[in-house]
Amino acid sequence: MQDITHTARQIAGSPEHYLHDTALFTQAWAAMKAARGQGFDPARLRAAHLIDRPEPAPEPSDQTLARIGAKVRQLIAEKNIPVQHRNAA
């Protein structure tokens, strides 16, 4: 049983290598759940469980600072907040 669980963990840990056979991934997932004494409904397994989506590329900090500065200046103008220093925002 330990060998089956180990193989199932390898398959579930790197699903990108087993995309050609999603049934193999589903069986591995079911074996891991069964080893823990848990139930498993394969109908609830979605493609998002197979592949982690990449995070969006981070925005460069100068663009972030410019966007935040513009938003702050806009809010100050909308709310008529007095600003002591012109370079504050």
C-alpha atoms as a PDB file:
ATOM      1  CA  MET A   1       0.000   0.000   0.000  1.00  0.00           C
ATOM      2  CA  GLN A   2       2.902   2.341   0.749  1.00  0.00           C
ATOM      3  CA  ASP A   3       4.226   1.908  -2.809  1.00  0.00           C
ATOM      4  CA  ILE A   4       0.816   2.743  -4.302  1.00  0.00           C
ATOM      5  CA  THR A   5       0.506   5.847  -2.144  1.00  0.00           C
ATOM      6  CA  HIS A   6       4.026   6.951  -3.073  1.00  0.00           C
ATOM      7  CA  THR A   7       3.316   6.543  -6.806  1.00  0.00           C
ATOM      8  CA  ALA A   8      -0.023   8.329  -6.451  1.00  0.00           C
ATOM      9  CA  ARG A   9       1.679  11.209  -4.659  1.00  0.00           C
ATOM     10  CA  GLN A  10       4.215  11.519  -7.491  1.00  0.00           C
ATOM     11  CA  ILE A  11       1.457  11.604 -10.113  1.00  0.00           C
ATOM     12  CA  ALA A  12      -0.710  14.097  -8.217  1.00  0.00           C
ATOM     13  CA  GLY A  13       2.327  16.237  -7.433  1.00  0.00           C
ATOM     14  CA  SER A  14       3.244  16.766 -11.074  1.00  0.00           C
ATOM     15  CA  PRO A  15       0.047  16.531 -13.149  1.00  0.00           C
ATOM     16  CA  GLU A  16       1.629  18.325 -16.103  1.00  0.00           C
ATOM     17  CA  HIS A  17       3.499  15.100 -16.902  1.00  0.00           C
ATOM     18  CA  TYR A  18       0.255  13.098 -17.009  1.00  0.00           C
ATOM     19  CA  LEU A  19      -2.000  15.381 -19.078  1.00  0.00           C
ATOM     20  CA  HIS A  20      -2.200  12.760 -21.811  1.00  0.00           C
ATOM     21  CA  ASP A  21      -4.067  10.482 -19.390  1.00  0.00           C
ATOM     22  CA  THR A  22      -6.263  12.417 -16.973  1.00  0.00           C
ATOM     23  CA  ALA A  23      -7.833   9.144 -15.784  1.00  0.00           C
ATOM     24  CA  LEU A  24      -4.439   8.211 -14.331  1.00  0.00           C
ATOM     25  CA  PHE A  25      -4.389  11.471 -12.370  1.00  0.00           C
ATOM     26  CA  THR A  26      -7.943  10.860 -11.147  1.00  0.00           C
ATOM     27  CA  GLN A  27      -7.041   7.346 -10.009  1.00  0.00           C
ATOM     28  CA  ALA A  28      -3.958   8.625  -8.225  1.00  0.00           C
ATOM     29  CA  TRP A  29      -6.023  11.270  -6.454  1.00  0.00           C
ATOM     30  CA  ALA A  30      -8.582   8.653  -5.428  1.00  0.00           C
ATOM     31  CA  ALA A  31      -5.816   6.380  -4.107  1.00  0.00           C
ATOM     32  CA  MET A  32      -4.399   9.193  -1.992  1.00  0.00           C
ATOM     33  CA  LYS A  33      -7.828  10.007  -0.569  1.00  0.00           C
ATOM     34  CA  ALA A  34      -8.527   6.322   0.139  1.00  0.00           C
ATOM     35  CA  ALA A  35      -5.198   5.993   1.967  1.00  0.00           C
ATOM     36  CA  ARG A  36      -6.394   8.757   4.284  1.00  0.00           C
ATOM     37  CA  GLY A  37      -9.785   7.096   4.731  1.00  0.00           C
ATOM     38  CA  GLN A  38     -11.590   9.859   2.860  1.00  0.00           C
ATOM     39  CA  GLY A  39     -14.185   9.649   0.138  1.00  0.00           C
ATOM     40  CA  PHE A  40     -13.690  11.026  -3.346  1.00  0.00           C
ATOM     41  CA  ASP A  41     -16.157  12.197  -5.987  1.00  0.00           C
ATOM     42  CA  PRO A  42     -14.383  12.362  -9.379  1.00  0.00           C
ATOM     43  CA  ALA A  43     -17.165  14.552 -10.763  1.00  0.00           C
ATOM     44  CA  ARG A  44     -15.898  17.382  -8.549  1.00  0.00           C
ATOM     45  CA  LEU A  45     -12.365  17.208  -9.983  1.00  0.00           C
ATOM     46  CA  ARG A  46     -11.899  20.075 -12.429  1.00  0.00           C
ATOM     47  CA  ALA A  47      -9.176  21.088 -14.866  1.00  0.00           C
ATOM     48  CA  ALA A  48      -8.024  23.737 -12.395  1.00  0.00           C
ATOM     49  CA  HIS A  49      -6.965  20.923 -10.090  1.00  0.00           C
ATOM     50  CA  LEU A  50      -4.747  19.506 -12.815  1.00  0.00           C
ATOM     51  CA  ILE A  51      -2.792  22.605 -13.751  1.00  0.00           C
ATOM     52  CA  ASP A  52      -1.916  25.577 -11.566  1.00  0.00           C
ATOM     53  CA  ARG A  53      -2.500  28.765 -13.455  1.00  0.00           C
ATOM     54  CA  PRO A  54       0.484  31.117 -13.599  1.00  0.00           C
ATOM     55  CA  GLU A  55       0.286  34.288 -11.573  1.00  0.00           C
ATOM     56  CA  PRO A  56      -0.070  37.537 -13.519  1.00  0.00           C
ATOM     57  CA  ALA A  57       3.185  39.293 -14.270  1.00  0.00           C
ATOM     58  CA  PRO A  58       4.005  41.850 -11.583  1.00  0.00           C
ATOM     59  CA  GLU A  59       3.534  45.461 -12.534  1.00  0.00           C
ATOM     60  CA  PRO A  60       6.775  47.477 -12.548  1.00  0.00           C
ATOM     61  CA  SER A  61       7.105  49.621  -9.419  1.00  0.00           C
ATOM     62  CA  ASP A  62       7.375  52.928 -11.294  1.00  0.00           C
ATOM     63  CA  GLN A  63       4.012  52.238 -12.972  1.00  0.00           C
ATOM     64  CA  THR A  64       2.500  51.233  -9.631  1.00  0.00           C
ATOM     65  CA  LEU A  65       3.753  54.399  -7.925  1.00  0.00           C
ATOM     66  CA  ALA A  66       2.511  56.605 -10.772  1.00  0.00           C
ATOM     67  CA  ARG A  67      -0.928  54.944 -10.706  1.00  0.00           C
ATOM     68  CA  ILE A  68      -1.242  55.240  -6.921  1.00  0.00           C
ATOM     69  CA  GLY A  69      -0.044  58.871  -6.969  1.00  0.00           C
ATOM     70  CA  ALA A  70      -2.616  59.765  -9.624  1.00  0.00           C
ATOM     71  CA  LYS A  71      -5.386  58.081  -7.630  1.00  0.00           C
ATOM     72  CA  VAL A  72      -4.382  59.906  -4.431  1.00  0.00           C
ATOM     73  CA  ARG A  73      -4.305  63.283  -6.232  1.00  0.00           C
ATOM     74  CA  GLN A  74      -7.730  62.523  -7.712  1.00  0.00           C
ATOM     75  CA  LEU A  75      -9.207  61.697  -4.281  1.00  0.00           C
ATOM     76  CA  ILE A  76      -7.658  64.839  -2.750  1.00  0.00           C
ATOM     77  CA  ALA A  77      -9.188  66.955  -5.508  1.00  0.00           C
ATOM     78  CA  GLU A  78     -12.609  65.294  -5.237  1.00  0.00           C
ATOM     79  CA  LYS A  79     -12.815  65.717  -1.465  1.00  0.00           C
ATOM     80  CA  ASN A  80     -11.248  69.216  -1.412  1.00  0.00           C
ATOM     81  CA  ILE A  81      -8.680  68.151   1.172  1.00  0.00           C
ATOM     82  CA  PRO A  82      -6.193  70.941   1.897  1.00  0.00           C
ATOM     83  CA  VAL A  83      -2.617  69.907   1.149  1.00  0.00           C
ATOM     84  CA  GLN A  84       0.204  71.807   2.889  1.00  0.00           C
ATOM     85  CA  HIS A  85       2.947  70.624   0.536  1.00  0.00           C
ATOM     86  CA  ARG A  86       2.431  70.535  -3.206  1.00  0.00           C
ATOM     87  CA  ASN A  87       4.747  67.506  -3.457  1.00  0.00           C
ATOM     88  CA  ALA A  88       2.766  65.481  -0.927  1.00  0.00           C
ATOM     89  CA  ALA A  89       1.030  63.308  -3.448  1.00  0.00           C
END
